[in-house]
Amino acid sequence: MISLLQIVHDTMVDGPGFRTSIYCAGCENQCPGCHNPQSWDIHRGTPTTTEQIMAEIESDPFANVTFTGGDPMFQPKGFSELAAAIRSRTDKTIWCYTGYTFEQLIRNEAQLSLLRLLDVLVDGRYVEALRDTDLPFRGSTNQRILDVKKSLERGEAVPYSLGL
């Protein structure tokens, strides 16, 4: 189960190309200036099963998937189950936005389990003083877009090449 706020189809702001974005509830970071503060309270979401979310994801054969929120890493078990289903039933890529850093995630077993199922991680808290509206797919200059597979192989954060 995931505490879900909404699913947005065919968005182009949460990663390259058309994406199905899964917006979850729950975030303990509560960054000042957050664009989605209504997502902080996990109780604002609706408990939703993996199968219900997969029906939405599979209804669009062309869009890849983005986990966002809130913070998906606040619900690592539910998102791990969803990511495993996406991996087994589709060829879609999975991006994930989190306020945690890669270095923090690899020290938490539940979050690491989810991390291993992702393609790209946009990590780091939003910092209002570092806001840059020209950055692709992130809000502040401290946030990184990481290639998860390469990062896990090397044991350090490896930037993802956007090819823009």
C-alpha atoms as a PDB file:
ATOM      1  CA  MET A   1       0.000   0.000   0.000  1.00  0.00           C
ATOM      2  CA  ILE A   2       1.045   3.526  -0.784  1.00  0.00           C
ATOM      3  CA  SER A   3      -0.483   6.676   0.648  1.00  0.00           C
ATOM      4  CA  LEU A   4      -1.288   8.274  -2.708  1.00  0.00           C
ATOM      5  CA  LEU A   5      -2.160  11.891  -3.461  1.00  0.00           C
ATOM      6  CA  GLN A   6      -2.622  11.647  -7.227  1.00  0.00           C
ATOM      7  CA  ILE A   7      -1.403  10.173 -10.477  1.00  0.00           C
ATOM      8  CA  VAL A   8      -0.604  12.592 -13.294  1.00  0.00           C
ATOM      9  CA  HIS A   9      -0.460  11.176 -16.814  1.00  0.00           C
ATOM     10  CA  ASP A  10       1.706  12.446 -19.670  1.00  0.00           C
ATOM     11  CA  THR A  11       3.595  15.048 -17.659  1.00  0.00           C
ATOM     12  CA  MET A  12       6.916  16.315 -19.007  1.00  0.00           C
ATOM     13  CA  VAL A  13       8.218  18.102 -15.891  1.00  0.00           C
ATOM     14  CA  ASP A  14       9.247  15.073 -13.789  1.00  0.00           C
ATOM     15  CA  GLY A  15      11.840  13.651 -16.174  1.00  0.00           C
ATOM     16  CA  PRO A  16      12.454  13.421 -19.908  1.00  0.00           C
ATOM     17  CA  GLY A  17       9.634  12.538 -22.294  1.00  0.00           C
ATOM     18  CA  PHE A  18       6.092  11.694 -21.278  1.00  0.00           C
ATOM     19  CA  ARG A  19       5.825  10.293 -17.779  1.00  0.00           C
ATOM     20  CA  THR A  20       3.210   8.926 -15.430  1.00  0.00           C
ATOM     21  CA  SER A  21       3.987  10.635 -12.119  1.00  0.00           C
ATOM     22  CA  ILE A  22       2.967   8.953  -8.881  1.00  0.00           C
ATOM     23  CA  TYR A  23       2.531  11.653  -6.210  1.00  0.00           C
ATOM     24  CA  CYS A  24       2.639  10.209  -2.711  1.00  0.00           C
ATOM     25  CA  ALA A  25       1.850  11.671   0.680  1.00  0.00           C
ATOM     26  CA  GLY A  26       4.382  11.845   3.479  1.00  0.00           C
ATOM     27  CA  CYS A  27       7.612  13.791   3.784  1.00  0.00           C
ATOM     28  CA  GLU A  28       9.617  14.441   6.912  1.00  0.00           C
ATOM     29  CA  ASN A  29      11.995  16.916   5.229  1.00  0.00           C
ATOM     30  CA  GLN A  30       9.396  19.714   4.985  1.00  0.00           C
ATOM     31  CA  CYS A  31      11.738  21.986   3.009  1.00  0.00           C
ATOM     32  CA  PRO A  32      10.954  25.713   3.261  1.00  0.00           C
ATOM     33  CA  GLY A  33       9.631  26.874  -0.116  1.00  0.00           C
ATOM     34  CA  CYS A  34       8.513  23.380  -1.128  1.00  0.00           C
ATOM     35  CA  HIS A  35       6.213  23.480  -4.181  1.00  0.00           C
ATOM     36  CA  ASN A  36       4.014  20.745  -2.691  1.00  0.00           C
ATOM     37  CA  PRO A  37       3.685  21.294   1.118  1.00  0.00           C
ATOM     38  CA  GLN A  38       0.224  19.685   1.119  1.00  0.00           C
ATOM     39  CA  SER A  39       2.065  16.413   0.495  1.00  0.00           C
ATOM     40  CA  TRP A  40       3.941  16.416   3.815  1.00  0.00           C
ATOM     41  CA  ASP A  41       1.169  14.774   5.875  1.00  0.00           C
ATOM     42  CA  ILE A  42       0.958  11.066   5.066  1.00  0.00           C
ATOM     43  CA  HIS A  43      -2.674  11.040   6.237  1.00  0.00           C
ATOM     44  CA  ARG A  44      -3.703  13.359   3.373  1.00  0.00           C
ATOM     45  CA  GLY A  45      -3.174  10.514   0.913  1.00  0.00           C
ATOM     46  CA  THR A  46      -5.467   7.628   0.019  1.00  0.00           C
ATOM     47  CA  PRO A  47      -4.207   4.103   0.768  1.00  0.00           C
ATOM     48  CA  THR A  48      -3.775   2.575  -2.689  1.00  0.00           C
ATOM     49  CA  THR A  49      -2.668  -0.912  -3.715  1.00  0.00           C
ATOM     50  CA  THR A  50       0.112  -1.736  -6.138  1.00  0.00           C
ATOM     51  CA  GLU A  51      -2.463  -3.255  -8.499  1.00  0.00           C
ATOM     52  CA  GLN A  52      -4.544  -0.069  -8.541  1.00  0.00           C
ATOM     53  CA  ILE A  53      -1.476   2.010  -9.390  1.00  0.00           C
ATOM     54  CA  MET A  54      -0.246  -0.537 -11.958  1.00  0.00           C
ATOM     55  CA  ALA A  55      -3.589  -0.303 -13.772  1.00  0.00           C
ATOM     56  CA  GLU A  56      -2.946   3.433 -14.219  1.00  0.00           C
ATOM     57  CA  ILE A  57       0.689   2.915 -15.269  1.00  0.00           C
ATOM     58  CA  GLU A  58      -0.168   0.177 -17.759  1.00  0.00           C
ATOM     59  CA  SER A  59      -3.025   2.229 -19.233  1.00  0.00           C
ATOM     60  CA  ASP A  60      -0.396   4.403 -20.934  1.00  0.00           C
ATOM     61  CA  PRO A  61       1.944   2.188 -22.960  1.00  0.00           C
ATOM     62  CA  PHE A  62       4.275   5.046 -23.936  1.00  0.00           C
ATOM     63  CA  ALA A  63       4.901   6.996 -20.706  1.00  0.00           C
ATOM     64  CA  ASN A  64       7.721   6.126 -18.333  1.00  0.00           C
ATOM     65  CA  VAL A  65       7.240   6.445 -14.561  1.00  0.00           C
ATOM     66  CA  THR A  66       8.291   8.965 -11.913  1.00  0.00           C
ATOM     67  CA  PHE A  67       7.877   8.550  -8.151  1.00  0.00           C
ATOM     68  CA  THR A  68       7.497  11.905  -6.410  1.00  0.00           C
ATOM     69  CA  GLY A  69       5.536  13.468  -3.632  1.00  0.00           C
ATOM     70  CA  GLY A  70       5.913  13.981  -0.769  1.00  0.00           C
ATOM     71  CA  ASP A  71       8.883  11.691  -0.631  1.00  0.00           C
ATOM     72  CA  PRO A  72       8.653   8.121  -1.961  1.00  0.00           C
ATOM     73  CA  MET A  73      11.593   7.149   0.284  1.00  0.00           C
ATOM     74  CA  PHE A  74       9.275   7.878   3.247  1.00  0.00           C
ATOM     75  CA  GLN A  75       7.272   4.816   2.051  1.00  0.00           C
ATOM     76  CA  PRO A  76      10.062   2.524   0.806  1.00  0.00           C
ATOM     77  CA  LYS A  77       8.227  -0.769   1.277  1.00  0.00           C
ATOM     78  CA  GLY A  78       5.172   0.215  -0.789  1.00  0.00           C
ATOM     79  CA  PHE A  79       7.277   1.837  -3.504  1.00  0.00           C
ATOM     80  CA  SER A  80       9.623  -1.178  -3.631  1.00  0.00           C
ATOM     81  CA  GLU A  81       6.625  -3.394  -4.284  1.00  0.00           C
ATOM     82  CA  LEU A  82       5.404  -1.018  -7.000  1.00  0.00           C
ATOM     83  CA  ALA A  83       8.854  -0.717  -8.605  1.00  0.00           C
ATOM     84  CA  ALA A  84       9.229  -4.516  -8.649  1.00  0.00           C
ATOM     85  CA  ALA A  85       5.859  -4.807 -10.415  1.00  0.00           C
ATOM     86  CA  ILE A  86       6.872  -2.163 -12.966  1.00  0.00           C
ATOM     87  CA  ARG A  87      10.145  -4.018 -13.583  1.00  0.00           C
ATOM     88  CA  SER A  88       8.449  -7.394 -14.035  1.00  0.00           C
ATOM     89  CA  ARG A  89       5.531  -6.227 -16.196  1.00  0.00           C
ATOM     90  CA  THR A  90       6.851  -3.330 -18.300  1.00  0.00           C
ATOM     91  CA  ASP A  91      10.004  -1.923 -19.864  1.00  0.00           C
ATOM     92  CA  LYS A  92       9.388   1.544 -18.412  1.00  0.00           C
ATOM     93  CA  THR A  93      12.165   3.554 -16.772  1.00  0.00           C
ATOM     94  CA  ILE A  94      11.672   4.715 -13.180  1.00  0.00           C
ATOM     95  CA  TRP A  95      12.795   8.101 -11.881  1.00  0.00           C
ATOM     96  CA  CYS A  96      12.449   8.975  -8.184  1.00  0.00           C
ATOM     97  CA  TYR A  97      12.576  12.327  -6.405  1.00  0.00           C
ATOM     98  CA  THR A  98      13.693  12.366  -2.775  1.00  0.00           C
ATOM     99  CA  GLY A  99      14.899  14.843  -0.180  1.00  0.00           C
ATOM    100  CA  TYR A 100      17.389  12.272   1.068  1.00  0.00           C
ATOM    101  CA  THR A 101      20.831  12.026  -0.511  1.00  0.00           C
ATOM    102  CA  PHE A 102      22.210   8.935  -2.212  1.00  0.00           C
ATOM    103  CA  GLU A 103      24.720   8.650   0.632  1.00  0.00           C
ATOM    104  CA  GLN A 104      21.896   8.557   3.213  1.00  0.00           C
ATOM    105  CA  LEU A 105      19.803   6.055   1.242  1.00  0.00           C
ATOM    106  CA  ILE A 106      22.529   3.421   0.938  1.00  0.00           C
ATOM    107  CA  ARG A 107      22.766   3.292   4.760  1.00  0.00           C
ATOM    108  CA  ASN A 108      19.066   2.425   5.208  1.00  0.00           C
ATOM    109  CA  GLU A 109      18.181  -1.136   4.151  1.00  0.00           C
ATOM    110  CA  ALA A 110      14.519  -0.423   3.255  1.00  0.00           C
ATOM    111  CA  GLN A 111      15.425   2.637   1.207  1.00  0.00           C
ATOM    112  CA  LEU A 112      18.361   0.811  -0.409  1.00  0.00           C
ATOM    113  CA  SER A 113      15.977  -1.949  -1.504  1.00  0.00           C
ATOM    114  CA  LEU A 114      13.896   0.650  -3.350  1.00  0.00           C
ATOM    115  CA  LEU A 115      16.978   2.405  -4.709  1.00  0.00           C
ATOM    116  CA  ARG A 116      18.150  -0.834  -6.354  1.00  0.00           C
ATOM    117  CA  LEU A 117      14.944  -0.892  -8.449  1.00  0.00           C
ATOM    118  CA  LEU A 118      15.304   2.657  -9.814  1.00  0.00           C
ATOM    119  CA  ASP A 119      16.969   3.997 -12.946  1.00  0.00           C
ATOM    120  CA  VAL A 120      17.437   7.646 -11.975  1.00  0.00           C
ATOM    121  CA  LEU A 121      17.408   9.391  -8.601  1.00  0.00           C
ATOM    122  CA  VAL A 122      16.932  13.124  -8.124  1.00  0.00           C
ATOM    123  CA  ASP A 123      18.292  13.564  -4.618  1.00  0.00           C
ATOM    124  CA  GLY A 124      18.678  16.244  -1.986  1.00  0.00           C
ATOM    125  CA  ARG A 125      16.424  18.590  -0.130  1.00  0.00           C
ATOM    126  CA  TYR A 126      15.044  21.613  -1.933  1.00  0.00           C
ATOM    127  CA  VAL A 127      16.989  24.670  -0.707  1.00  0.00           C
ATOM    128  CA  GLU A 128      15.141  27.899  -1.437  1.00  0.00           C
ATOM    129  CA  ALA A 129      18.360  29.999  -1.338  1.00  0.00           C
ATOM    130  CA  LEU A 130      19.747  27.768  -4.138  1.00  0.00           C
ATOM    131  CA  ARG A 131      16.641  27.930  -6.327  1.00  0.00           C
ATOM    132  CA  ASP A 132      17.354  27.981 -10.059  1.00  0.00           C
ATOM    133  CA  THR A 133      14.414  27.919 -12.473  1.00  0.00           C
ATOM    134  CA  ASP A 134      16.745  27.145 -15.395  1.00  0.00           C
ATOM    135  CA  LEU A 135      17.729  23.728 -14.032  1.00  0.00           C
ATOM    136  CA  PRO A 136      16.133  20.792 -15.825  1.00  0.00           C
ATOM    137  CA  PHE A 137      14.036  18.512 -13.607  1.00  0.00           C
ATOM    138  CA  ARG A 138      15.009  19.960 -10.217  1.00  0.00           C
ATOM    139  CA  GLY A 139      14.490  23.092  -8.185  1.00  0.00           C
ATOM    140  CA  SER A 140      17.778  23.957  -6.476  1.00  0.00           C
ATOM    141  CA  THR A 141      21.430  23.664  -7.436  1.00  0.00           C
ATOM    142  CA  ASN A 142      22.308  21.240  -4.620  1.00  0.00           C
ATOM    143  CA  GLN A 143      19.959  18.595  -6.027  1.00  0.00           C
ATOM    144  CA  ARG A 144      21.576  15.951  -8.200  1.00  0.00           C
ATOM    145  CA  ILE A 145      20.282  13.754 -11.022  1.00  0.00           C
ATOM    146  CA  LEU A 146      22.011  10.403 -10.539  1.00  0.00           C
ATOM    147  CA  ASP A 147      22.450   7.234 -12.554  1.00  0.00           C
ATOM    148  CA  VAL A 148      21.417   4.703  -9.915  1.00  0.00           C
ATOM    149  CA  LYS A 149      22.988   1.586 -11.443  1.00  0.00           C
ATOM    150  CA  LYS A 150      26.380   3.263 -11.928  1.00  0.00           C
ATOM    151  CA  SER A 151      26.193   4.897  -8.496  1.00  0.00           C
ATOM    152  CA  LEU A 152      25.532   1.566  -6.771  1.00  0.00           C
ATOM    153  CA  GLU A 153      28.300  -0.159  -8.763  1.00  0.00           C
ATOM    154  CA  ARG A 154      30.863   2.506  -7.822  1.00  0.00           C
ATOM    155  CA  GLY A 155      29.598   3.128  -4.285  1.00  0.00           C
ATOM    156  CA  GLU A 156      29.416   6.870  -4.945  1.00  0.00           C
ATOM    157  CA  ALA A 157      27.034   9.301  -6.629  1.00  0.00           C
ATOM    158  CA  VAL A 158      27.405   9.261 -10.422  1.00  0.00           C
ATOM    159  CA  PRO A 159      25.609  11.982 -12.414  1.00  0.00           C
ATOM    160  CA  TYR A 160      23.043  10.883 -14.972  1.00  0.00           C
ATOM    161  CA  SER A 161      23.634  12.242 -18.461  1.00  0.00           C
ATOM    162  CA  LEU A 162      20.490  14.008 -19.655  1.00  0.00           C
ATOM    163  CA  GLY A 163      21.866  14.457 -23.159  1.00  0.00           C
ATOM    164  CA  LEU A 164      20.110  17.818 -23.498  1.00  0.00           C
END
